[in-house]
Structures are given as C-alpha cells and as structure tokens.
C-alpha cells in the first residue's frame, strides 16, 4: 500500500502527463474547432487549478506542515501606492502588524512642543485647557543617527497621529500600515537628497530600519516618522513631545504662553502658524531689516562657498544643503536664522519677486508629498540671478531664478528671524 506522499506524487504526475499530452486532431471545420475549444478551456483551467492545489498539499506533506490557505489566497505582489511614495508591504510576518484606524477628520497642526524629558500629564492637560486649543497628540521625538546622518525622528501612534499629517499623507492607508509594521517614513528631501531609497534598509540607531514611505509631515525639522514601538527600540524618550492644534489662536501668543507653563528647557516650534496682524501697522520701518553692511557680509560669505558640495543636512563650513547655506552665510553677518527652509520662510514680510533686491530669500514648494510645504530656498543676488545649494550631486553655485513652484520672496528681519522656532 502506498503511503501518503507516494499517492500524492503519483496523482500529481498523472495529472501533469494528461495536460502535457497533445493528440493531433484531424482537420475540421474552423467553427467546430472554436466550439470544441470553448468546451475544453474550462476543463483545462480546472485541471491547472488541481495541479496548483495538489502542489501546495505535496509541499505541506514534504515539510510536515499544514498548507497555509490564507497565504495561498494572498496576492504575491502587493499593490504599490498610486502616488509612488509608499513601498510595497514587506509581506506576511510572524507577528501581524497592528491594525491602523481609518482617517476620520483631518486636524491641522499649529505648534510642536519638544522637551528633553517625558512631559508630565498635568502639563499636557494644562496645554489642552488653553484658550483656542482644539486638539493635542502626545508623541516621542529625538535625533537619531541614520546612515551617518543626524535625523530628527518622531515616534507616533499611526491611528491617532495620522489626522495631523498633510492631506495626501494622512489619507494613505498603505503608508500608515507600513509604519505600524515597523518601517519608517522619511521626508521627501531626506529620501531624494539624503540617499535613503524607498524600500531600502538603513542603519538607524544601531538597528535596521526599512524606508517604507516618503512623507514630509511639515513639523519643524522632523525628517522621519516611526511607530512608538519602533521609537522605544531606538531609545527615543517616551512622550516628550506634543502636537497642538489651535486654529483660532494667534500662534505667536500661544507659543509664549506654553513656554511659560511647560518644563524649563522645552522648545515650541510653529507649524502652519496662525498670524494675527497688529492693528495700525501699515509698513515695516527700514530699521526692521538687515543693514547694507550686513547684506554685503552675508552675500560675500555665501559667494566664498562657491563650488562646495551639496550634502543633505550639512550646515557648513565645507558642505551645505540649501537652508544650511542661508543659515551659515547670514550667521556671518550676525543674523540668527532658523535651520530649515520652512522656518526661514517666516523670517520677514513677503514681497513680490519684481521687488526683490540682493540679500532677499526666494522660496519654492517642490515637495510632492506635501505640496503646501516650503522645501527649497536660495539667496537672491540681483539681475535675475540667485546663489544656491541646489541638490545632491551639485555644488553651491549661481543660477537664474526660475518660477516653477515658486512660493514667494522674503525680506529678512533680524529681530523676527531671532524669534522663529
């Protein structure tokens, strides 16, 4: 008597031989051949299905395991996110990823609080009670070394944090599923100019992390997002940051209040600031802007760096990214500039491009994962030219000003720049 394996092997062999046998049929009327073919196709399809199923059973018998029917039904090639900024899922794992709640109502973020220690629950409650605050989300935040780069990283609960993300990011179920499964999402600039390819694995804080998505969340200088569970494994403090939504409160005034009530050393960064204009202000005084000498020093400092390489996250003096060049050059003139382009956008009044003069800053919105985000900056030189650190593979150089995705021009006020965080 044949044992189980022998019987199954014999059956599979016989089915395959039947499918491989192709007897020559006598010539017949083409219409009858088509009719016969129509009758035969379902039979062949059924036999093919039988072979596939039997193969699965044979494999189970040979390995001593029950066939995984769920895996058999699952698509072998997960569909990639239509936007092209989310990697295909990593596939089934031993431990299923947590289920991510669907997006209900978007919430606009306005302030990001970061402390060096977990925020006391009573302080979080006091922030929630402030006039104008309509939503808060406790998160984790710290700098993590990723492939040698210093990356500001945030640990979040994918289900509750996603409403605070930009629209296209918040709506992507695939993106948050990847984060919940242990991947990280990195900003578009970090991915493109920082060399972190979608779907690749990088060293982050001593452990391997897969780049599961490109997604710029637009919160200060945050360039990577992971789940809170992954944040624990990276050593990021628990609950030391807070995202605040306050659509009807003046962001600058609310920031000042929070700095007073939060633990000493806490930082509060503005995100999508709500600005209430001062009554009676009709024009900025000349003294509010950089002096002629300051502008010359900043321009000469930037010019002295012509030919230096672009490196994502670099602040000089030997390499720069776009906002790093601005911060370094203006710093030589005694002007304290914030670090990233999105913050530099808030360092003074906006003026028409036609009124730009040397030393003004030009900004663009080039990030497809967050179209409203300020992602690039250059220093206006005059005569339609600008001095800029363009992108990876390029160097600090002069370029003609272009208007595609142009956000606007800012005239820097040292006093305002000093207060932007």
Protein backbone atom coordinates (compact mmCIF):
# COMPACT_ATOMS: atom_id res chain seq x y z
CA UNK A 1 0.00 0.00 0.00
CA UNK A 2 1.33 3.41 -0.97
CA UNK A 3 1.99 5.89 1.81
CA UNK A 4 0.53 9.44 1.67
CA UNK A 5 3.48 11.07 -0.07
CA UNK A 6 3.72 8.39 -2.75
CA UNK A 7 -0.01 8.57 -3.52
CA UNK A 8 0.07 12.35 -3.87
CA UNK A 9 3.19 12.25 -6.02
CA UNK A 10 1.59 9.66 -8.33
CA UNK A 11 -1.62 11.71 -8.69
CA UNK A 12 0.28 14.92 -9.50
CA UNK A 13 2.45 13.05 -12.02
CA UNK A 14 -0.59 11.60 -13.78
CA UNK A 15 -2.39 14.96 -13.93
CA UNK A 16 0.71 16.64 -15.40
CA UNK A 17 1.09 13.88 -18.03
CA UNK A 18 -2.57 14.30 -19.03
CA UNK A 19 -2.05 18.05 -19.50
CA UNK A 20 1.20 17.51 -21.42
CA UNK A 21 -0.37 15.05 -23.87
CA UNK A 22 -1.46 16.85 -27.05
CA UNK A 23 -3.01 14.36 -29.56
CA UNK A 24 -3.15 15.55 -33.15
CA UNK A 25 -6.74 16.19 -34.16
CA UNK A 26 -7.99 15.65 -37.74
CA UNK A 27 -8.72 18.80 -39.73
CA UNK A 28 -12.22 20.02 -39.13
CA UNK A 29 -14.35 22.99 -39.84
CA UNK A 30 -12.85 26.06 -38.04
CA UNK A 31 -16.19 26.92 -36.44
CA UNK A 32 -16.41 23.46 -34.86
CA UNK A 33 -12.80 23.81 -33.65
CA UNK A 34 -13.69 27.05 -31.88
CA UNK A 35 -16.73 25.41 -30.28
CA UNK A 36 -14.61 22.49 -29.11
CA UNK A 37 -12.01 24.85 -27.74
CA UNK A 38 -14.67 26.67 -25.76
CA UNK A 39 -15.76 23.38 -24.25
CA UNK A 40 -12.17 22.37 -23.46
CA UNK A 41 -10.93 25.60 -21.80
CA UNK A 42 -12.95 25.19 -18.56
CA UNK A 43 -11.72 21.61 -18.24
CA UNK A 44 -8.08 22.64 -18.69
CA UNK A 45 -8.49 25.50 -16.23
CA UNK A 46 -9.93 23.12 -13.67
CA UNK A 47 -7.03 20.72 -14.16
CA UNK A 48 -4.50 23.54 -13.77
CA UNK A 49 -6.15 24.61 -10.54
CA UNK A 50 -6.00 21.00 -9.36
CA UNK A 51 -2.25 20.87 -10.04
CA UNK A 52 -1.65 24.09 -8.09
CA UNK A 53 -3.67 22.90 -5.13
CA UNK A 54 -2.02 19.48 -5.17
CA UNK A 55 1.41 21.13 -5.31
CA UNK A 56 0.55 23.06 -2.14
CA UNK A 57 -0.62 19.84 -0.46
CA UNK A 58 2.52 17.97 -1.56
CA UNK A 59 4.70 20.78 -0.22
CA UNK A 60 2.87 20.59 3.08
CA UNK A 61 3.32 16.84 3.22
CA UNK A 62 7.03 17.06 2.44
CA UNK A 63 7.66 19.78 5.02
CA UNK A 64 5.41 18.26 7.68
CA UNK A 65 3.22 21.42 7.88
CA UNK A 66 -0.38 22.15 7.12
CA UNK A 67 -0.88 24.20 3.91
CA UNK A 68 -1.30 27.93 4.60
CA UNK A 69 -4.60 28.56 2.84
CA UNK A 70 -4.59 32.27 3.68
CA UNK A 71 -1.15 32.70 2.13
CA UNK A 72 -2.34 30.75 -0.94
CA UNK A 73 -5.17 33.23 -1.42
CA UNK A 74 -3.00 36.31 -0.81
CA UNK A 75 -1.61 38.31 -3.73
CA UNK A 76 2.07 37.58 -4.22
CA UNK A 77 2.84 41.11 -5.43
CA UNK A 78 1.26 43.74 -3.12
CA UNK A 79 -0.01 46.78 -4.99
CA UNK A 80 2.21 49.82 -4.66
CA UNK A 81 0.73 53.12 -3.50
CA UNK A 82 -0.64 55.04 -6.52
CA UNK A 83 1.38 58.12 -5.60
CA UNK A 84 4.62 56.19 -5.90
CA UNK A 85 5.85 57.33 -2.49
CA UNK A 86 4.98 54.23 -0.44
CA UNK A 87 6.94 51.00 -0.72
CA UNK A 88 5.13 47.72 -1.24
CA UNK A 89 4.34 45.99 2.04
CA UNK A 90 7.10 43.84 3.42
CA UNK A 91 4.85 40.77 3.20
CA UNK A 92 3.41 38.49 5.90
CA UNK A 93 5.38 38.37 9.15
CA UNK A 94 5.31 36.11 12.19
CA UNK A 95 3.68 38.88 14.24
CA UNK A 96 0.84 40.69 12.42
CA UNK A 97 1.17 44.49 12.38
CA UNK A 98 -1.35 46.43 14.49
CA UNK A 99 -4.48 47.49 12.64
CA UNK A 100 -4.43 51.20 11.79
CA UNK A 101 -7.70 53.08 12.28
CA UNK A 102 -9.12 54.75 9.17
CA UNK A 103 -8.82 58.50 8.76
CA UNK A 104 -11.91 60.31 10.01
CA UNK A 105 -11.41 64.06 10.23
CA UNK A 106 -8.16 65.90 9.34
CA UNK A 107 -6.67 68.06 12.09
CA UNK A 108 -4.32 70.95 11.27
CA UNK A 109 -1.20 71.14 13.43
CA UNK A 110 0.00 74.58 14.58
CA UNK A 111 2.62 74.02 17.30
CA UNK A 112 5.10 71.28 18.18
CA UNK A 113 6.38 71.03 21.75
CA UNK A 114 9.61 69.11 22.41
CA UNK A 115 11.23 68.54 25.84
CA UNK A 116 14.26 66.52 26.92
CA UNK A 117 12.13 64.51 29.37
CA UNK A 118 8.62 62.98 29.23
CA UNK A 119 6.01 65.71 29.57
CA UNK A 120 4.12 65.43 32.90
CA UNK A 121 0.42 64.51 32.35
CA UNK A 122 -0.68 67.60 34.30
CA UNK A 123 1.28 69.86 31.93
CA UNK A 124 -0.28 68.17 28.90
CA UNK A 125 -3.71 68.69 30.46
CA UNK A 126 -2.93 72.37 31.04
CA UNK A 127 -1.97 72.81 27.38
CA UNK A 128 -5.27 71.22 26.36
CA UNK A 129 -7.12 73.71 28.54
CA UNK A 130 -5.57 76.76 26.89
CA UNK A 131 -8.00 79.02 25.04
CA UNK A 132 -8.10 78.20 21.34
CA UNK A 133 -6.55 74.71 21.63
CA UNK A 134 -8.83 72.16 19.97
CA UNK A 135 -6.58 69.12 19.73
CA UNK A 136 -3.35 67.62 21.11
CA UNK A 137 -1.37 64.45 20.39
CA UNK A 138 1.39 63.12 22.63
CA UNK A 139 4.35 61.82 20.59
CA UNK A 140 8.04 61.00 21.02
CA UNK A 141 10.90 62.96 19.44
CA UNK A 142 14.70 62.83 19.34
CA UNK A 143 17.66 62.94 16.98
CA UNK A 144 18.68 59.55 15.56
CA UNK A 145 21.79 58.72 13.54
CA UNK A 146 20.74 57.15 10.25
CA UNK A 147 23.47 56.06 7.86
CA UNK A 148 25.71 58.69 9.45
CA UNK A 149 23.14 61.50 9.19
CA UNK A 150 21.55 63.30 12.12
CA UNK A 151 17.82 62.87 11.58
CA UNK A 152 15.13 64.41 13.78
CA UNK A 153 12.76 61.49 14.30
CA UNK A 154 9.24 61.29 15.72
CA UNK A 155 7.55 58.23 17.27
CA UNK A 156 3.77 58.20 16.81
CA UNK A 157 0.65 56.10 17.16
CA UNK A 158 -0.30 55.70 13.46
CA UNK A 159 -4.03 55.54 14.24
CA UNK A 160 -4.25 58.77 16.26
CA UNK A 161 -1.44 60.79 14.69
CA UNK A 162 -2.36 60.43 11.01
CA UNK A 163 -5.08 63.16 11.12
CA UNK A 164 -2.35 65.71 11.98
CA UNK A 165 -0.33 64.87 8.84
CA UNK A 166 -0.71 66.66 5.48
CA UNK A 167 -3.75 65.55 3.48
CA UNK A 168 -2.09 63.19 0.99
CA UNK A 169 -0.06 61.53 3.76
CA UNK A 170 -3.00 61.28 6.17
CA UNK A 171 -5.15 59.56 3.53
CA UNK A 172 -2.62 56.85 2.64
CA UNK A 173 -3.63 53.61 4.38
CA UNK A 174 -0.58 51.84 2.92
CA UNK A 175 1.80 54.41 4.44
CA UNK A 176 0.47 54.06 7.98
CA UNK A 177 0.27 50.28 7.68
CA UNK A 178 3.98 50.22 6.83
CA UNK A 179 4.83 52.44 9.81
CA UNK A 180 2.74 50.23 12.12
CA UNK A 181 4.64 47.21 10.78
CA UNK A 182 7.97 48.72 11.85
CA UNK A 183 9.01 50.76 8.79
CA UNK A 184 9.91 54.43 8.88
CA UNK A 185 8.64 57.24 6.68
CA UNK A 186 11.26 59.85 5.76
CA UNK A 187 10.86 63.32 4.29
CA UNK A 188 11.00 63.62 0.52
CA UNK A 189 14.23 65.64 0.73
CA UNK A 190 15.91 63.10 3.01
CA UNK A 191 14.88 60.35 0.65
CA UNK A 192 15.91 62.07 -2.59
CA UNK A 193 18.88 64.18 -1.49
CA UNK A 194 19.84 62.16 1.57
CA UNK A 195 20.11 58.95 -0.42
CA UNK A 196 17.55 56.88 1.55
CA UNK A 197 15.89 54.94 -1.24
CA UNK A 198 12.30 53.79 -0.99
CA UNK A 199 12.15 50.18 0.18
CA UNK A 200 15.83 50.10 1.19
CA UNK A 201 17.14 49.17 4.64
CA UNK A 202 19.31 51.61 6.56
CA UNK A 203 21.11 51.61 9.89
CA UNK A 204 19.18 53.69 12.39
CA UNK A 205 20.32 53.99 15.96
CA UNK A 206 22.01 50.60 15.86
CA UNK A 207 19.12 48.68 14.29
CA UNK A 208 18.00 48.07 10.72
CA UNK A 209 15.03 50.13 9.51
CA UNK A 210 13.22 49.84 6.19
CA UNK A 211 12.26 53.03 4.35
CA UNK A 212 8.56 52.34 3.94
CA UNK A 213 7.45 55.72 2.59
CA UNK A 214 8.39 59.26 1.61
CA UNK A 215 6.25 61.68 3.61
CA UNK A 216 7.14 65.20 4.71
CA UNK A 217 4.98 65.93 7.76
CA UNK A 218 5.98 69.59 7.88
CA UNK A 219 6.67 69.79 11.62
CA UNK A 220 9.74 71.84 12.37
CA UNK A 221 12.78 69.89 11.26
CA UNK A 222 11.19 66.43 11.71
CA UNK A 223 12.55 64.28 8.87
CA UNK A 224 11.47 60.76 9.89
CA UNK A 225 8.42 59.15 11.49
CA UNK A 226 8.23 55.69 13.11
CA UNK A 227 5.74 53.91 15.35
CA UNK A 228 6.07 54.42 19.10
CA UNK A 229 7.07 50.77 19.45
CA UNK A 230 9.93 51.30 17.00
CA UNK A 231 10.82 54.54 18.81
CA UNK A 232 11.30 52.50 22.02
CA UNK A 233 13.82 50.26 20.27
CA UNK A 234 15.71 53.35 19.06
CA UNK A 235 15.97 54.78 22.57
CA UNK A 236 13.76 57.80 21.87
CA UNK A 237 12.24 59.24 25.09
CA UNK A 238 8.60 58.37 25.74
CA UNK A 239 6.02 61.14 25.49
CA UNK A 240 8.48 64.04 25.42
CA UNK A 241 6.69 65.90 22.62
CA UNK A 242 3.24 67.25 21.90
CA UNK A 243 1.50 68.28 18.67
CA UNK A 244 -1.01 71.10 19.23
CA UNK A 245 -3.89 72.23 17.04
CA UNK A 246 -5.19 75.73 17.71
CA UNK A 247 -6.86 77.13 14.57
CA UNK A 248 -8.36 80.18 16.27
CA UNK A 249 -5.42 81.24 18.44
CA UNK A 250 -2.55 83.51 17.46
CA UNK A 251 0.35 81.05 17.22
CA UNK A 252 2.97 83.51 18.46
CA UNK A 253 0.95 84.45 21.54
CA UNK A 254 0.07 80.83 22.32
CA UNK A 255 3.71 79.80 21.93
CA UNK A 256 4.72 82.41 24.51
CA UNK A 257 2.12 81.05 26.96
CA UNK A 258 3.24 77.46 26.51
CA UNK A 259 6.89 78.31 27.11
CA UNK A 260 5.90 79.74 30.49
CA UNK A 261 3.84 76.77 31.68
CA UNK A 262 5.94 73.90 30.28
CA UNK A 263 9.07 72.47 31.96
CA UNK A 264 12.21 74.58 31.68
CA UNK A 265 14.17 73.87 28.52
CA UNK A 266 11.10 72.93 26.45
CA UNK A 267 11.07 74.06 22.83
CA UNK A 268 7.95 75.14 20.96
CA UNK A 269 8.10 75.24 17.15
CA UNK A 270 5.45 76.88 15.00
CA UNK A 271 3.76 74.79 12.29
CA UNK A 272 1.31 76.34 9.83
CA UNK A 273 1.23 79.44 12.09
CA UNK A 274 -1.94 81.41 12.62
CA UNK A 275 -0.86 85.06 12.40
CA UNK A 276 -2.94 87.92 13.77
CA UNK A 277 -1.76 91.19 12.21
CA UNK A 278 -1.12 94.09 14.56
CA UNK A 279 -3.65 96.87 14.26
CA UNK A 280 -2.36 100.10 12.84
CA UNK A 281 0.71 98.60 11.13
CA UNK A 282 0.84 99.83 7.56
CA UNK A 283 4.52 99.40 6.71
CA UNK A 284 7.74 97.92 8.04
CA UNK A 285 10.33 100.52 9.06
CA UNK A 286 13.67 100.37 7.25
CA UNK A 287 15.42 99.64 10.53
CA UNK A 288 13.50 96.35 10.79
CA UNK A 289 15.64 94.82 8.03
CA UNK A 290 19.29 93.92 7.57
CA UNK A 291 21.63 96.86 7.13
CA UNK A 292 23.59 97.36 3.89
CA UNK A 293 26.75 96.17 5.64
CA UNK A 294 25.02 93.03 6.92
CA UNK A 295 23.72 92.20 3.45
CA UNK A 296 27.19 92.59 1.94
CA UNK A 297 28.78 90.36 4.57
CA UNK A 298 26.13 87.65 4.05
CA UNK A 299 26.49 87.78 0.25
CA UNK A 300 30.28 87.65 0.38
CA UNK A 301 30.19 84.75 2.84
CA UNK A 302 27.88 82.77 0.56
CA UNK A 303 29.95 83.62 -2.53
CA UNK A 304 33.10 82.35 -0.80
CA UNK A 305 31.47 78.89 -0.71
CA UNK A 306 31.01 78.56 -4.47
CA UNK A 307 31.90 75.04 -5.57
CA UNK A 308 31.32 73.43 -2.16
CA UNK A 309 29.22 70.24 -2.40
CA UNK A 310 25.57 69.91 -1.52
CA UNK A 311 25.07 67.43 1.34
CA UNK A 312 21.66 66.86 2.93
CA UNK A 313 21.62 68.23 6.49
CA UNK A 314 25.01 69.95 6.14
CA UNK A 315 25.46 73.34 7.81
CA UNK A 316 28.99 74.20 6.64
CA UNK A 317 31.66 75.25 6.52
CA UNK A 318 32.74 72.70 3.88
CA UNK A 319 29.36 71.42 2.62
CA UNK A 320 25.79 72.68 2.73
CA UNK A 321 22.17 71.99 1.96
CA UNK A 322 20.00 74.88 0.73
CA UNK A 323 18.85 76.21 4.12
CA UNK A 324 22.17 75.34 5.75
CA UNK A 325 23.91 77.74 3.34
CA UNK A 326 21.43 80.50 4.21
CA UNK A 327 21.83 79.97 7.94
CA UNK A 328 25.63 79.90 7.75
CA UNK A 329 26.01 82.94 5.45
CA UNK A 330 23.57 85.10 7.40
CA UNK A 331 25.19 83.98 10.64
CA UNK A 332 28.47 85.53 9.45
CA UNK A 333 26.59 88.84 9.36
CA UNK A 334 25.29 88.40 12.90
CA UNK A 335 21.77 87.36 11.86
CA UNK A 336 20.43 84.35 13.77
CA UNK A 337 18.42 82.31 11.26
CA UNK A 338 16.33 79.20 11.97
CA UNK A 339 17.62 75.96 10.46
CA UNK A 340 15.10 74.76 7.86
CA UNK A 341 13.60 76.47 4.81
CA UNK A 342 10.03 76.22 6.16
CA UNK A 343 11.09 78.25 9.22
CA UNK A 344 13.19 80.71 7.21
CA UNK A 345 10.00 81.46 5.24
CA UNK A 346 8.69 83.17 8.41
CA UNK A 347 11.69 85.49 9.00
CA UNK A 348 10.19 88.63 7.49
CA UNK A 349 7.50 90.10 5.23
CA UNK A 350 6.78 88.63 1.81
CA UNK A 351 7.35 90.82 -1.21
CA UNK A 352 6.75 90.45 -4.97
CA UNK A 353 9.56 88.86 -6.98
CA UNK A 354 9.65 92.03 -9.09
CA UNK A 355 10.71 93.99 -5.97
CA UNK A 356 13.42 91.56 -4.83
CA UNK A 357 16.82 93.01 -4.02
CA UNK A 358 20.18 91.38 -3.16
CA UNK A 359 20.02 89.52 0.15
CA UNK A 360 16.33 88.64 -0.06
CA UNK A 361 15.40 84.97 0.14
CA UNK A 362 13.46 83.10 -2.57
CA UNK A 363 11.36 80.04 -1.68
CA UNK A 364 9.74 77.13 -3.53
CA UNK A 365 7.20 74.40 -2.81
CA UNK A 366 8.75 71.40 -4.61
CA UNK A 367 7.68 68.55 -2.32
CA UNK A 368 5.09 66.24 -3.98
CA UNK A 369 4.33 64.50 -0.66
CA UNK A 370 3.32 67.83 0.91
CA UNK A 371 2.60 70.37 -1.87
CA UNK A 372 1.99 73.20 0.60
CA UNK A 373 5.33 72.77 2.35
CA UNK A 374 8.26 75.17 1.82
CA UNK A 375 11.02 72.82 0.70
CA UNK A 376 13.71 74.92 -1.02
CA UNK A 377 15.42 78.30 -0.55
CA UNK A 378 18.00 80.43 -2.35
CA UNK A 379 19.66 83.85 -1.82
CA UNK A 380 18.73 86.48 -4.39
CA UNK A 381 21.85 88.02 -5.93
CA UNK A 382 20.34 90.55 -8.31
CA UNK A 383 19.83 90.80 -12.10
CA UNK A 384 17.65 87.68 -12.12
CA UNK A 385 20.32 85.50 -10.50
CA UNK A 386 20.45 83.63 -7.21
CA UNK A 387 23.11 81.85 -5.17
CA UNK A 388 22.02 78.40 -4.05
CA UNK A 389 22.99 74.91 -2.86
CA UNK A 390 20.71 73.03 -5.30
CA UNK A 391 20.60 69.29 -4.60
CA UNK A 392 22.64 66.11 -4.17
CA UNK A 393 25.28 65.75 -6.86
CA UNK A 394 25.58 69.51 -7.34
CA UNK A 395 27.55 72.32 -5.71
CA UNK A 396 26.96 75.83 -4.37
CA UNK A 397 26.59 78.00 -7.47
CA UNK A 398 24.82 80.84 -9.25
CA UNK A 399 21.62 80.07 -11.13
CA UNK A 400 18.97 82.00 -13.00
CA UNK A 401 15.83 82.46 -10.89
CA UNK A 402 13.01 80.16 -12.02
CA UNK A 403 9.33 80.47 -11.17
CA UNK A 404 8.06 76.87 -11.31
CA UNK A 405 6.54 76.05 -7.87
CA UNK A 406 7.66 79.48 -6.62
CA UNK A 407 6.23 80.25 -3.18
CA UNK A 408 7.48 83.81 -2.85
CA UNK A 409 10.22 86.15 -1.68
CA UNK A 410 11.01 87.16 1.92
CA UNK A 411 12.95 90.22 3.13
CA UNK A 412 14.70 89.12 6.30
CA UNK A 413 14.15 90.98 9.56
CA UNK A 414 16.88 90.05 12.10
CA UNK A 415 14.52 90.60 15.05
CA UNK A 416 11.82 88.39 13.53
CA UNK A 417 14.33 85.73 12.47
CA UNK A 418 15.68 85.53 16.02
CA UNK A 419 12.23 84.67 17.34
CA UNK A 420 11.30 81.99 14.78
CA UNK A 421 11.44 78.47 16.16
